[in-house]
């Protein structure tokens, strides 16, 4: 598992979660909390020049990508980095579980060819 969580005291969000190799492996409850607010998501797909990366986040303590519909999905174009900011935040009530695929189809479970780095700021 290549996920790190940093806890700090800020007005914006108290947790920075970084997954350095986001793929179709489920990273369950990355915040370690059962509820909170999602403020920022960054998907760095610069290592994949031929395909997009789709970060899937579900408001649940654990995920099974083949059966789950994500609560949120964020895309980074081929060879690009995308940042999504939610100033008011998006509340979650069960925990945040994440996984990343190379296609936006609901049942897609194919990992991106190369590492995708994901950064999340949440409370």
C-alpha atoms as a PDB file:
ATOM      1  CA  UNK A   1       0.000   0.000   0.000  1.00  0.00           C
ATOM      2  CA  UNK A   2       1.463   3.328  -1.048  1.00  0.00           C
ATOM      3  CA  UNK A   3      -0.990   5.650   0.660  1.00  0.00           C
ATOM      4  CA  UNK A   4       0.099   8.231   3.212  1.00  0.00           C
ATOM      5  CA  UNK A   5      -2.055  10.378   5.498  1.00  0.00           C
ATOM      6  CA  UNK A   6      -0.829  13.600   7.068  1.00  0.00           C
ATOM      7  CA  UNK A   7      -2.861  15.218   9.805  1.00  0.00           C
ATOM      8  CA  UNK A   8      -2.501  18.947  10.367  1.00  0.00           C
ATOM      9  CA  UNK A   9      -4.604  21.695  11.869  1.00  0.00           C
ATOM     10  CA  UNK A  10      -5.886  24.080   9.206  1.00  0.00           C
ATOM     11  CA  UNK A  11      -9.099  25.906   8.467  1.00  0.00           C
ATOM     12  CA  UNK A  12      -9.283  24.292   5.024  1.00  0.00           C
ATOM     13  CA  UNK A  13      -8.961  20.608   5.848  1.00  0.00           C
ATOM     14  CA  UNK A  14      -7.124  18.584   8.428  1.00  0.00           C
ATOM     15  CA  UNK A  15      -5.966  15.645   6.328  1.00  0.00           C
ATOM     16  CA  UNK A  16      -3.788  15.317   3.245  1.00  0.00           C
ATOM     17  CA  UNK A  17      -4.041  11.855   1.713  1.00  0.00           C
ATOM     18  CA  UNK A  18      -1.568  10.907  -1.031  1.00  0.00           C
ATOM     19  CA  UNK A  19      -1.730   7.683  -3.047  1.00  0.00           C
ATOM     20  CA  UNK A  20       1.461   7.495  -5.118  1.00  0.00           C
ATOM     21  CA  UNK A  21       0.325   4.535  -7.204  1.00  0.00           C
ATOM     22  CA  UNK A  22      -3.452   4.762  -7.537  1.00  0.00           C
ATOM     23  CA  UNK A  23      -4.784   1.798  -9.460  1.00  0.00           C
ATOM     24  CA  UNK A  24      -7.682  -0.648  -9.447  1.00  0.00           C
ATOM     25  CA  UNK A  25      -6.691  -1.879  -5.969  1.00  0.00           C
ATOM     26  CA  UNK A  26      -9.131  -0.494  -3.450  1.00  0.00           C
ATOM     27  CA  UNK A  27      -7.693   1.813  -0.820  1.00  0.00           C
ATOM     28  CA  UNK A  28     -10.292   1.567   1.901  1.00  0.00           C
ATOM     29  CA  UNK A  29     -11.182   4.342   4.348  1.00  0.00           C
ATOM     30  CA  UNK A  30      -8.189   6.491   3.417  1.00  0.00           C
ATOM     31  CA  UNK A  31      -9.105   9.243   5.895  1.00  0.00           C
ATOM     32  CA  UNK A  32      -9.434   6.845   8.812  1.00  0.00           C
ATOM     33  CA  UNK A  33     -12.675   8.605   9.721  1.00  0.00           C
ATOM     34  CA  UNK A  34     -16.322   7.655   9.429  1.00  0.00           C
ATOM     35  CA  UNK A  35     -17.463  11.138   8.452  1.00  0.00           C
ATOM     36  CA  UNK A  36     -16.035  14.450   7.322  1.00  0.00           C
ATOM     37  CA  UNK A  37     -15.777  16.752   4.339  1.00  0.00           C
ATOM     38  CA  UNK A  38     -13.962  16.381   1.024  1.00  0.00           C
ATOM     39  CA  UNK A  39     -12.381  19.671  -0.151  1.00  0.00           C
ATOM     40  CA  UNK A  40      -9.817  19.009  -2.866  1.00  0.00           C
ATOM     41  CA  UNK A  41      -8.856  16.227  -5.259  1.00  0.00           C
ATOM     42  CA  UNK A  42      -5.827  16.222  -7.548  1.00  0.00           C
ATOM     43  CA  UNK A  43      -5.237  13.470 -10.111  1.00  0.00           C
ATOM     44  CA  UNK A  44      -1.735  13.449 -11.612  1.00  0.00           C
ATOM     45  CA  UNK A  45      -1.814  11.362 -14.789  1.00  0.00           C
ATOM     46  CA  UNK A  46       1.364  12.768 -16.348  1.00  0.00           C
ATOM     47  CA  UNK A  47       2.911   9.278 -16.567  1.00  0.00           C
ATOM     48  CA  UNK A  48       0.143   8.026 -18.892  1.00  0.00           C
ATOM     49  CA  UNK A  49       0.295   9.826 -22.230  1.00  0.00           C
ATOM     50  CA  UNK A  50      -2.075   7.407 -23.994  1.00  0.00           C
ATOM     51  CA  UNK A  51      -5.036   7.131 -21.626  1.00  0.00           C
ATOM     52  CA  UNK A  52      -7.089   9.085 -19.138  1.00  0.00           C
ATOM     53  CA  UNK A  53      -7.187   8.235 -15.448  1.00  0.00           C
ATOM     54  CA  UNK A  54     -10.505   8.040 -13.600  1.00  0.00           C
ATOM     55  CA  UNK A  55     -10.317   8.391  -9.835  1.00  0.00           C
ATOM     56  CA  UNK A  56     -13.333   6.810  -8.186  1.00  0.00           C
ATOM     57  CA  UNK A  57     -14.289   7.725  -4.631  1.00  0.00           C
ATOM     58  CA  UNK A  58     -17.098   6.079  -2.714  1.00  0.00           C
ATOM     59  CA  UNK A  59     -18.608   7.206   0.576  1.00  0.00           C
ATOM     60  CA  UNK A  60     -18.068   3.864   2.260  1.00  0.00           C
ATOM     61  CA  UNK A  61     -15.483   2.314   4.557  1.00  0.00           C
ATOM     62  CA  UNK A  62     -14.636  -0.306   1.927  1.00  0.00           C
ATOM     63  CA  UNK A  63     -15.157  -0.726  -1.800  1.00  0.00           C
ATOM     64  CA  UNK A  64     -15.448  -3.507  -4.374  1.00  0.00           C
ATOM     65  CA  UNK A  65     -14.944  -1.739  -7.715  1.00  0.00           C
ATOM     66  CA  UNK A  66     -16.575  -4.432  -9.800  1.00  0.00           C
ATOM     67  CA  UNK A  67     -19.882  -3.887  -7.985  1.00  0.00           C
ATOM     68  CA  UNK A  68     -19.759  -0.321  -6.698  1.00  0.00           C
ATOM     69  CA  UNK A  69     -20.893   2.901  -8.305  1.00  0.00           C
ATOM     70  CA  UNK A  70     -18.643   5.714  -7.045  1.00  0.00           C
ATOM     71  CA  UNK A  71     -20.102   8.666  -5.185  1.00  0.00           C
ATOM     72  CA  UNK A  72     -17.642  10.921  -7.059  1.00  0.00           C
ATOM     73  CA  UNK A  73     -15.493  10.368 -10.151  1.00  0.00           C
ATOM     74  CA  UNK A  74     -12.672  12.690 -11.241  1.00  0.00           C
ATOM     75  CA  UNK A  75     -10.785  12.471 -14.537  1.00  0.00           C
ATOM     76  CA  UNK A  76      -7.321  13.536 -15.647  1.00  0.00           C
ATOM     77  CA  UNK A  77      -6.685  13.641 -19.393  1.00  0.00           C
ATOM     78  CA  UNK A  78      -3.802  11.678 -20.940  1.00  0.00           C
ATOM     79  CA  UNK A  79      -0.456  13.110 -19.807  1.00  0.00           C
ATOM     80  CA  UNK A  80      -2.141  15.754 -17.650  1.00  0.00           C
ATOM     81  CA  UNK A  81      -2.834  16.749 -14.071  1.00  0.00           C
ATOM     82  CA  UNK A  82      -6.308  17.843 -12.952  1.00  0.00           C
ATOM     83  CA  UNK A  83      -7.324  19.554  -9.715  1.00  0.00           C
ATOM     84  CA  UNK A  84     -10.862  19.781  -8.367  1.00  0.00           C
ATOM     85  CA  UNK A  85     -11.632  22.205  -5.549  1.00  0.00           C
ATOM     86  CA  UNK A  86     -14.885  22.179  -3.582  1.00  0.00           C
ATOM     87  CA  UNK A  87     -14.761  25.361  -1.445  1.00  0.00           C
ATOM     88  CA  UNK A  88     -17.912  24.463   0.483  1.00  0.00           C
ATOM     89  CA  UNK A  89     -16.809  20.828   0.666  1.00  0.00           C
ATOM     90  CA  UNK A  90     -18.678  17.611  -0.003  1.00  0.00           C
ATOM     91  CA  UNK A  91     -19.794  15.805   3.134  1.00  0.00           C
ATOM     92  CA  UNK A  92     -19.204  12.089   3.525  1.00  0.00           C
ATOM     93  CA  UNK A  93     -20.735   9.905   6.201  1.00  0.00           C
ATOM     94  CA  UNK A  94     -19.098   6.478   6.098  1.00  0.00           C
ATOM     95  CA  UNK A  95     -15.451   6.999   5.091  1.00  0.00           C
ATOM     96  CA  UNK A  96     -13.687   7.543   1.768  1.00  0.00           C
ATOM     97  CA  UNK A  97     -12.515   4.557  -0.256  1.00  0.00           C
ATOM     98  CA  UNK A  98     -10.718   5.111  -3.569  1.00  0.00           C
ATOM     99  CA  UNK A  99      -9.556   3.314  -6.704  1.00  0.00           C
ATOM    100  CA  UNK A 100      -8.404   4.408 -10.163  1.00  0.00           C
ATOM    101  CA  UNK A 101      -9.172   3.021 -13.613  1.00  0.00           C
ATOM    102  CA  UNK A 102      -8.307   3.820 -17.212  1.00  0.00           C
ATOM    103  CA  UNK A 103     -11.921   3.993 -18.413  1.00  0.00           C
ATOM    104  CA  UNK A 104     -15.098   5.608 -17.133  1.00  0.00           C
ATOM    105  CA  UNK A 105     -17.397   2.630 -17.695  1.00  0.00           C
ATOM    106  CA  UNK A 106     -19.167   1.545 -14.492  1.00  0.00           C
ATOM    107  CA  UNK A 107     -17.747  -1.980 -14.519  1.00  0.00           C
ATOM    108  CA  UNK A 108     -14.249  -1.035 -15.711  1.00  0.00           C
ATOM    109  CA  UNK A 109     -11.534  -2.456 -13.473  1.00  0.00           C
ATOM    110  CA  UNK A 110      -8.475  -1.845 -15.666  1.00  0.00           C
ATOM    111  CA  UNK A 111      -5.612  -0.016 -13.969  1.00  0.00           C
ATOM    112  CA  UNK A 112      -3.814   2.813 -15.743  1.00  0.00           C
ATOM    113  CA  UNK A 113      -0.620   1.553 -17.406  1.00  0.00           C
ATOM    114  CA  UNK A 114       1.678   3.698 -15.244  1.00  0.00           C
ATOM    115  CA  UNK A 115       1.498   5.244 -11.778  1.00  0.00           C
ATOM    116  CA  UNK A 116      -1.181   7.833 -11.085  1.00  0.00           C
ATOM    117  CA  UNK A 117      -0.661  10.053  -8.055  1.00  0.00           C
ATOM    118  CA  UNK A 118      -3.760  11.172  -6.170  1.00  0.00           C
ATOM    119  CA  UNK A 119      -3.895  13.897  -3.526  1.00  0.00           C
ATOM    120  CA  UNK A 120      -6.984  14.474  -1.396  1.00  0.00           C
ATOM    121  CA  UNK A 121      -7.624  17.155   1.207  1.00  0.00           C
ATOM    122  CA  UNK A 122     -10.425  16.277   3.619  1.00  0.00           C
ATOM    123  CA  UNK A 123     -11.471  16.710   7.209  1.00  0.00           C
END
